[in-house]
Amino acid sequence: MPDQNTARFVDVSHAVEHGMITYRGLPAPVISDHLSRAASRAHYSPGTEFQIGKIEMVANTGTYLDSPFHRYEDGDDLSQLSLPSLADLEGVVVRAAGCGRAQDASLFSNVEVAGRAVLIHTNWAAHWGAEQYFDNHPFLTRDAAQLLMDGGAALVGIDSYNIDDTAAASRPAHSILLRAGIAVVEHLCNLDALPDRGFKFFAVPVKVKGMGTFPVRAFGLLKQ
């Protein structure tokens, strides 16, 4: 049974696994040993062994965060994001399951978004690992993204295949939010385990220069 402190953490990210497909058309991660435990034994005292792993993957794998550089050449890359923009953010979950595909500005009526990590719970993560996940997914409309930007959201996340409609070539939600310096987290999961309010949100990627997207261990920390 988890202790009280452990129970306060709610993991809302997918595990990265060998061969998994996150985004149709992008390659799956390849996970292997660079140095296996058996091979390492020749380098250490008897009974001592280590594994050094190796992974080859595109940045858009699993639950990941988009920085402005993902969309804009002059935008901040992963190494330039401030920790206060990614961690210890006041969180709010907006329930959108069963509300159709196009989530418009009306979804956020009476929702305080200023300075908050706004997480849209569509329940699309229930299709993770199935072909259905890639098609006809929920997304944010242009007016919804504009409202979040104008309202001063600190970060926006969604448990769907993409925050934009992938059936169209334009990407208004990415364009509006990332231009304003608002990071986007896609492919969240387990948002039903978070309360609507009363938690802090964390989604911190590796500090990589010249890259705009990277997987995160996203989680909510419930307040006592």
C-alpha atoms as a PDB file:
ATOM      1  CA  MET A   1       0.000   0.000   0.000  1.00  0.00           C
ATOM      2  CA  PRO A   2       1.486   3.412  -0.951  1.00  0.00           C
ATOM      3  CA  ASP A   3       2.372   5.764   1.869  1.00  0.00           C
ATOM      4  CA  GLN A   4       0.605   9.105   2.201  1.00  0.00           C
ATOM      5  CA  ASN A   5       3.306  11.040   0.341  1.00  0.00           C
ATOM      6  CA  THR A   6       3.385   8.577  -2.599  1.00  0.00           C
ATOM      7  CA  ALA A   7      -0.415   8.672  -2.899  1.00  0.00           C
ATOM      8  CA  ARG A   8      -0.255  12.428  -3.467  1.00  0.00           C
ATOM      9  CA  PHE A   9       1.453  11.914  -6.850  1.00  0.00           C
ATOM     10  CA  VAL A  10      -0.660  11.196  -9.950  1.00  0.00           C
ATOM     11  CA  ASP A  11       1.332  10.111 -13.012  1.00  0.00           C
ATOM     12  CA  VAL A  12      -0.327  11.377 -16.206  1.00  0.00           C
ATOM     13  CA  SER A  13       2.288  10.249 -18.752  1.00  0.00           C
ATOM     14  CA  HIS A  14       2.668   7.160 -20.924  1.00  0.00           C
ATOM     15  CA  ALA A  15       5.649   4.862 -20.518  1.00  0.00           C
ATOM     16  CA  VAL A  16       8.046   4.853 -23.489  1.00  0.00           C
ATOM     17  CA  GLU A  17       8.428   1.294 -24.782  1.00  0.00           C
ATOM     18  CA  HIS A  18      10.397  -0.361 -27.554  1.00  0.00           C
ATOM     19  CA  GLY A  19       8.388  -0.440 -30.783  1.00  0.00           C
ATOM     20  CA  MET A  20       5.475   1.732 -29.647  1.00  0.00           C
ATOM     21  CA  ILE A  21       3.887   4.164 -32.102  1.00  0.00           C
ATOM     22  CA  THR A  22       2.961   7.584 -30.735  1.00  0.00           C
ATOM     23  CA  TYR A  23       2.283   9.461 -33.954  1.00  0.00           C
ATOM     24  CA  ARG A  24       1.353   7.783 -37.226  1.00  0.00           C
ATOM     25  CA  GLY A  25       4.182   8.105 -39.756  1.00  0.00           C
ATOM     26  CA  LEU A  26       6.912   8.646 -37.174  1.00  0.00           C
ATOM     27  CA  PRO A  27       9.265   5.800 -36.239  1.00  0.00           C
ATOM     28  CA  ALA A  28       8.911   3.858 -33.018  1.00  0.00           C
ATOM     29  CA  PRO A  29      11.654   4.059 -30.387  1.00  0.00           C
ATOM     30  CA  VAL A  30      14.377   1.424 -30.498  1.00  0.00           C
ATOM     31  CA  ILE A  31      15.543   0.505 -27.002  1.00  0.00           C
ATOM     32  CA  SER A  32      18.532  -1.778 -26.505  1.00  0.00           C
ATOM     33  CA  ASP A  33      21.706  -2.315 -24.511  1.00  0.00           C
ATOM     34  CA  HIS A  34      24.805  -0.322 -25.298  1.00  0.00           C
ATOM     35  CA  LEU A  35      26.511  -2.426 -22.634  1.00  0.00           C
ATOM     36  CA  SER A  36      24.663  -5.472 -21.341  1.00  0.00           C
ATOM     37  CA  ARG A  37      24.968  -6.740 -17.783  1.00  0.00           C
ATOM     38  CA  ALA A  38      26.656  -9.899 -19.018  1.00  0.00           C
ATOM     39  CA  ALA A  39      29.217  -7.942 -21.049  1.00  0.00           C
ATOM     40  CA  SER A  40      29.884  -5.540 -18.167  1.00  0.00           C
ATOM     41  CA  ARG A  41      31.080  -8.292 -15.849  1.00  0.00           C
ATOM     42  CA  ALA A  42      34.475  -8.335 -17.567  1.00  0.00           C
ATOM     43  CA  HIS A  43      35.074  -4.762 -16.367  1.00  0.00           C
ATOM     44  CA  TYR A  44      34.191  -5.151 -12.674  1.00  0.00           C
ATOM     45  CA  SER A  45      34.816  -7.278  -9.628  1.00  0.00           C
ATOM     46  CA  PRO A  46      32.954 -10.589  -9.323  1.00  0.00           C
ATOM     47  CA  GLY A  47      29.302 -10.014  -8.490  1.00  0.00           C
ATOM     48  CA  THR A  48      29.327  -6.441  -9.841  1.00  0.00           C
ATOM     49  CA  GLU A  49      27.506  -5.643 -13.070  1.00  0.00           C
ATOM     50  CA  PHE A  50      25.823  -2.688 -14.759  1.00  0.00           C
ATOM     51  CA  GLN A  51      23.606  -2.007 -17.750  1.00  0.00           C
ATOM     52  CA  ILE A  52      24.071   1.011 -20.009  1.00  0.00           C
ATOM     53  CA  GLY A  53      21.017   1.465 -22.151  1.00  0.00           C
ATOM     54  CA  LYS A  54      20.623   3.022 -25.573  1.00  0.00           C
ATOM     55  CA  ILE A  55      17.528   4.546 -27.148  1.00  0.00           C
ATOM     56  CA  GLU A  56      16.940   5.868 -30.648  1.00  0.00           C
ATOM     57  CA  MET A  57      13.757   7.869 -31.029  1.00  0.00           C
ATOM     58  CA  VAL A  58      12.181  10.961 -32.515  1.00  0.00           C
ATOM     59  CA  ALA A  59      11.408  13.756 -30.080  1.00  0.00           C
ATOM     60  CA  ASN A  60       7.645  13.297 -30.476  1.00  0.00           C
ATOM     61  CA  THR A  61       7.469  10.052 -28.522  1.00  0.00           C
ATOM     62  CA  GLY A  62       5.171   9.174 -25.643  1.00  0.00           C
ATOM     63  CA  THR A  63       3.876  12.075 -23.566  1.00  0.00           C
ATOM     64  CA  TYR A  64       5.891  15.061 -24.750  1.00  0.00           C
ATOM     65  CA  LEU A  65       6.188  18.804 -24.383  1.00  0.00           C
ATOM     66  CA  ASP A  66       6.396  21.261 -27.274  1.00  0.00           C
ATOM     67  CA  SER A  67       8.435  24.413 -26.715  1.00  0.00           C
ATOM     68  CA  PRO A  68       8.080  27.498 -28.965  1.00  0.00           C
ATOM     69  CA  PHE A  69      11.070  26.318 -31.055  1.00  0.00           C
ATOM     70  CA  HIS A  70       8.981  23.371 -32.247  1.00  0.00           C
ATOM     71  CA  ARG A  71       6.886  25.823 -34.278  1.00  0.00           C
ATOM     72  CA  TYR A  72       9.069  28.933 -34.570  1.00  0.00           C
ATOM     73  CA  GLU A  73      12.740  29.172 -35.490  1.00  0.00           C
ATOM     74  CA  ASP A  74      13.167  32.172 -33.201  1.00  0.00           C
ATOM     75  CA  GLY A  75      11.274  30.578 -30.309  1.00  0.00           C
ATOM     76  CA  ASP A  76      12.802  29.257 -27.095  1.00  0.00           C
ATOM     77  CA  ASP A  77      14.117  25.717 -27.361  1.00  0.00           C
ATOM     78  CA  LEU A  78      14.035  23.138 -24.572  1.00  0.00           C
ATOM     79  CA  SER A  79      17.206  24.470 -22.954  1.00  0.00           C
ATOM     80  CA  GLN A  80      15.756  27.971 -22.730  1.00  0.00           C
ATOM     81  CA  LEU A  81      12.511  27.127 -20.963  1.00  0.00           C
ATOM     82  CA  SER A  82      12.345  28.361 -17.388  1.00  0.00           C
ATOM     83  CA  LEU A  83      11.572  25.876 -14.646  1.00  0.00           C
ATOM     84  CA  PRO A  84       8.730  28.048 -13.269  1.00  0.00           C
ATOM     85  CA  SER A  85       6.977  27.671 -16.651  1.00  0.00           C
ATOM     86  CA  LEU A  86       7.065  23.863 -16.382  1.00  0.00           C
ATOM     87  CA  ALA A  87       6.968  22.914 -12.704  1.00  0.00           C
ATOM     88  CA  ASP A  88       4.969  23.614  -9.567  1.00  0.00           C
ATOM     89  CA  LEU A  89       2.186  25.153 -11.634  1.00  0.00           C
ATOM     90  CA  GLU A  90      -1.291  25.533 -10.236  1.00  0.00           C
ATOM     91  CA  GLY A  91      -3.314  22.974 -12.203  1.00  0.00           C
ATOM     92  CA  VAL A  92      -6.871  22.845 -13.473  1.00  0.00           C
ATOM     93  CA  VAL A  93      -8.536  19.988 -15.349  1.00  0.00           C
ATOM     94  CA  VAL A  94     -11.285  20.855 -17.824  1.00  0.00           C
ATOM     95  CA  ARG A  95     -13.578  17.917 -18.533  1.00  0.00           C
ATOM     96  CA  ALA A  96     -14.371  17.554 -22.245  1.00  0.00           C
ATOM     97  CA  ALA A  97     -15.150  13.829 -22.590  1.00  0.00           C
ATOM     98  CA  GLY A  98     -18.260  13.355 -24.693  1.00  0.00           C
ATOM     99  CA  CYS A  99     -18.203  16.968 -25.927  1.00  0.00           C
ATOM    100  CA  GLY A 100     -17.340  16.128 -29.527  1.00  0.00           C
ATOM    101  CA  ARG A 101     -14.142  16.645 -31.479  1.00  0.00           C
ATOM    102  CA  ALA A 102     -13.784  20.414 -31.746  1.00  0.00           C
ATOM    103  CA  GLN A 103     -13.324  21.906 -28.282  1.00  0.00           C
ATOM    104  CA  ASP A 104     -14.088  25.614 -28.596  1.00  0.00           C
ATOM    105  CA  ALA A 105     -13.797  28.598 -26.266  1.00  0.00           C
ATOM    106  CA  SER A 106     -17.079  27.785 -24.540  1.00  0.00           C
ATOM    107  CA  LEU A 107     -15.346  24.842 -22.859  1.00  0.00           C
ATOM    108  CA  PHE A 108     -13.473  27.321 -20.689  1.00  0.00           C
ATOM    109  CA  SER A 109     -16.364  29.490 -19.589  1.00  0.00           C
ATOM    110  CA  ASN A 110     -16.123  30.070 -15.841  1.00  0.00           C
ATOM    111  CA  VAL A 111     -12.629  28.487 -15.743  1.00  0.00           C
ATOM    112  CA  GLU A 112      -9.818  30.531 -14.212  1.00  0.00           C
ATOM    113  CA  VAL A 113      -6.841  29.888 -16.516  1.00  0.00           C
ATOM    114  CA  ALA A 114      -4.442  32.732 -15.607  1.00  0.00           C
ATOM    115  CA  GLY A 115      -1.071  31.377 -14.479  1.00  0.00           C
ATOM    116  CA  ARG A 116      -2.341  27.792 -14.544  1.00  0.00           C
ATOM    117  CA  ALA A 117      -1.527  24.560 -16.298  1.00  0.00           C
ATOM    118  CA  VAL A 118      -4.797  23.929 -18.136  1.00  0.00           C
ATOM    119  CA  LEU A 119      -5.277  20.209 -18.825  1.00  0.00           C
ATOM    120  CA  ILE A 120      -8.063  19.145 -21.201  1.00  0.00           C
ATOM    121  CA  HIS A 121      -9.492  15.746 -20.301  1.00  0.00           C
ATOM    122  CA  THR A 122     -11.105  14.252 -23.428  1.00  0.00           C
ATOM    123  CA  ASN A 123     -10.633  10.597 -22.397  1.00  0.00           C
ATOM    124  CA  TRP A 124      -9.042   9.939 -25.805  1.00  0.00           C
ATOM    125  CA  ALA A 125      -6.153   8.259 -23.984  1.00  0.00           C
ATOM    126  CA  ALA A 126      -8.479   5.259 -23.602  1.00  0.00           C
ATOM    127  CA  HIS A 127      -7.622   4.484 -27.266  1.00  0.00           C
ATOM    128  CA  TRP A 128      -3.834   4.579 -26.710  1.00  0.00           C
ATOM    129  CA  GLY A 129      -2.182   1.682 -28.539  1.00  0.00           C
ATOM    130  CA  ALA A 130      -5.118   1.158 -30.906  1.00  0.00           C
ATOM    131  CA  GLU A 131      -5.613   2.355 -34.489  1.00  0.00           C
ATOM    132  CA  GLN A 132      -8.566   4.452 -33.340  1.00  0.00           C
ATOM    133  CA  TYR A 133      -6.179   6.727 -31.442  1.00  0.00           C
ATOM    134  CA  PHE A 134      -4.877   8.249 -34.682  1.00  0.00           C
ATOM    135  CA  ASP A 135      -8.155   9.307 -36.300  1.00  0.00           C
ATOM    136  CA  ASN A 136     -10.978  11.708 -35.454  1.00  0.00           C
ATOM    137  CA  HIS A 137      -9.388  12.787 -32.203  1.00  0.00           C
ATOM    138  CA  PRO A 138     -10.542  15.741 -30.066  1.00  0.00           C
ATOM    139  CA  PHE A 139      -8.678  19.032 -30.523  1.00  0.00           C
ATOM    140  CA  LEU A 140      -8.774  22.718 -29.597  1.00  0.00           C
ATOM    141  CA  THR A 141     -10.201  25.258 -32.021  1.00  0.00           C
ATOM    142  CA  ARG A 142      -8.532  28.539 -32.871  1.00  0.00           C
ATOM    143  CA  ASP A 143     -10.866  30.509 -30.613  1.00  0.00           C
ATOM    144  CA  ALA A 144     -10.166  28.169 -27.701  1.00  0.00           C
ATOM    145  CA  ALA A 145      -6.407  28.627 -28.094  1.00  0.00           C
ATOM    146  CA  GLN A 146      -6.890  32.384 -28.374  1.00  0.00           C
ATOM    147  CA  LEU A 147      -8.930  32.451 -25.172  1.00  0.00           C
ATOM    148  CA  LEU A 148      -6.242  30.499 -23.324  1.00  0.00           C
ATOM    149  CA  MET A 149      -3.558  32.843 -24.607  1.00  0.00           C
ATOM    150  CA  ASP A 150      -5.551  35.976 -23.802  1.00  0.00           C
ATOM    151  CA  GLY A 151      -6.421  34.566 -20.385  1.00  0.00           C
ATOM    152  CA  GLY A 152      -2.772  34.051 -19.477  1.00  0.00           C
ATOM    153  CA  ALA A 153      -2.572  30.252 -19.257  1.00  0.00           C
ATOM    154  CA  ALA A 154       0.911  29.119 -18.215  1.00  0.00           C
ATOM    155  CA  LEU A 155       0.825  25.736 -19.986  1.00  0.00           C
ATOM    156  CA  VAL A 156      -1.797  23.756 -21.915  1.00  0.00           C
ATOM    157  CA  GLY A 157      -2.036  19.978 -22.046  1.00  0.00           C
ATOM    158  CA  ILE A 158      -4.397  17.474 -23.640  1.00  0.00           C
ATOM    159  CA  ASP A 159      -4.868  13.692 -23.453  1.00  0.00           C
ATOM    160  CA  SER A 160      -5.398  13.435 -27.200  1.00  0.00           C
ATOM    161  CA  TYR A 161      -3.409  12.633 -30.330  1.00  0.00           C
ATOM    162  CA  ASN A 162      -2.810  16.307 -31.075  1.00  0.00           C
ATOM    163  CA  ILE A 163      -3.962  19.635 -29.707  1.00  0.00           C
ATOM    164  CA  ASP A 164      -4.777  20.633 -33.318  1.00  0.00           C
ATOM    165  CA  ASP A 165      -6.978  18.979 -35.912  1.00  0.00           C
ATOM    166  CA  THR A 166      -4.560  16.774 -37.876  1.00  0.00           C
ATOM    167  CA  ALA A 167      -7.092  16.472 -40.699  1.00  0.00           C
ATOM    168  CA  ALA A 168      -6.253  20.094 -41.615  1.00  0.00           C
ATOM    169  CA  ALA A 169      -2.868  21.456 -42.682  1.00  0.00           C
ATOM    170  CA  SER A 170      -3.064  24.511 -40.420  1.00  0.00           C
ATOM    171  CA  ARG A 171      -2.066  24.288 -36.783  1.00  0.00           C
ATOM    172  CA  PRO A 172      -3.743  27.287 -35.099  1.00  0.00           C
ATOM    173  CA  ALA A 173      -3.575  25.997 -31.513  1.00  0.00           C
ATOM    174  CA  HIS A 174       0.157  25.286 -31.719  1.00  0.00           C
ATOM    175  CA  SER A 175       0.765  28.570 -33.544  1.00  0.00           C
ATOM    176  CA  ILE A 176      -1.137  30.751 -31.076  1.00  0.00           C
ATOM    177  CA  LEU A 177       0.045  29.115 -27.867  1.00  0.00           C
ATOM    178  CA  LEU A 178       3.695  28.608 -28.793  1.00  0.00           C
ATOM    179  CA  ARG A 179       4.025  32.116 -30.236  1.00  0.00           C
ATOM    180  CA  ALA A 180       2.927  33.374 -26.808  1.00  0.00           C
ATOM    181  CA  GLY A 181       5.517  31.202 -25.069  1.00  0.00           C
ATOM    182  CA  ILE A 182       2.923  28.775 -23.679  1.00  0.00           C
ATOM    183  CA  ALA A 183       4.264  25.217 -23.719  1.00  0.00           C
ATOM    184  CA  VAL A 184       1.993  22.444 -25.004  1.00  0.00           C
ATOM    185  CA  VAL A 185       1.893  18.900 -23.599  1.00  0.00           C
ATOM    186  CA  GLU A 186       0.283  16.201 -25.760  1.00  0.00           C
ATOM    187  CA  HIS A 187      -0.608  12.531 -25.204  1.00  0.00           C
ATOM    188  CA  LEU A 188      -1.394  12.899 -21.524  1.00  0.00           C
ATOM    189  CA  CYS A 189      -3.274  10.091 -19.791  1.00  0.00           C
ATOM    190  CA  ASN A 190      -4.913   9.232 -16.471  1.00  0.00           C
ATOM    191  CA  LEU A 191      -6.440  12.705 -16.131  1.00  0.00           C
ATOM    192  CA  ASP A 192      -9.517  11.128 -14.574  1.00  0.00           C
ATOM    193  CA  ALA A 193      -7.352  10.473 -11.491  1.00  0.00           C
ATOM    194  CA  LEU A 194      -6.746  14.197 -10.984  1.00  0.00           C
ATOM    195  CA  PRO A 195      -9.278  16.484  -9.316  1.00  0.00           C
ATOM    196  CA  ASP A 196     -10.563  19.509 -11.205  1.00  0.00           C
ATOM    197  CA  ARG A 197      -8.578  21.749  -8.833  1.00  0.00           C
ATOM    198  CA  GLY A 198      -6.285  21.437  -5.877  1.00  0.00           C
ATOM    199  CA  PHE A 199      -3.052  20.121  -7.407  1.00  0.00           C
ATOM    200  CA  LYS A 200       0.277  21.287  -8.778  1.00  0.00           C
ATOM    201  CA  PHE A 201       1.424  20.179 -12.235  1.00  0.00           C
ATOM    202  CA  PHE A 202       4.918  19.269 -13.424  1.00  0.00           C
ATOM    203  CA  ALA A 203       6.130  18.446 -16.976  1.00  0.00           C
ATOM    204  CA  VAL A 204       9.882  18.965 -17.313  1.00  0.00           C
ATOM    205  CA  PRO A 205      11.799  17.752 -20.394  1.00  0.00           C
ATOM    206  CA  VAL A 206      15.546  17.207 -20.729  1.00  0.00           C
ATOM    207  CA  LYS A 207      17.472  20.476 -21.243  1.00  0.00           C
ATOM    208  CA  VAL A 208      18.482  20.014 -24.897  1.00  0.00           C
ATOM    209  CA  LYS A 209      19.798  22.850 -27.069  1.00  0.00           C
ATOM    210  CA  GLY A 210      18.461  23.147 -30.601  1.00  0.00           C
ATOM    211  CA  MET A 211      15.431  20.919 -30.026  1.00  0.00           C
ATOM    212  CA  GLY A 212      11.822  21.948 -29.561  1.00  0.00           C
ATOM    213  CA  THR A 213      10.111  18.788 -28.295  1.00  0.00           C
ATOM    214  CA  PHE A 214      10.954  16.001 -25.852  1.00  0.00           C
ATOM    215  CA  PRO A 215       9.169  13.378 -23.725  1.00  0.00           C
ATOM    216  CA  VAL A 216       8.295  14.317 -20.150  1.00  0.00           C
ATOM    217  CA  ARG A 217       7.316  12.537 -16.943  1.00  0.00           C
ATOM    218  CA  ALA A 218       4.168  14.573 -16.363  1.00  0.00           C
ATOM    219  CA  PHE A 219       2.454  14.374 -13.004  1.00  0.00           C
ATOM    220  CA  GLY A 220       0.134  16.128 -10.643  1.00  0.00           C
ATOM    221  CA  LEU A 221       0.925  16.651  -6.980  1.00  0.00           C
ATOM    222  CA  LEU A 222      -2.225  16.695  -4.893  1.00  0.00           C
ATOM    223  CA  LYS A 223      -2.442  19.308  -2.186  1.00  0.00           C
ATOM    224  CA  GLN A 224      -2.893  18.106   1.382  1.00  0.00           C
END
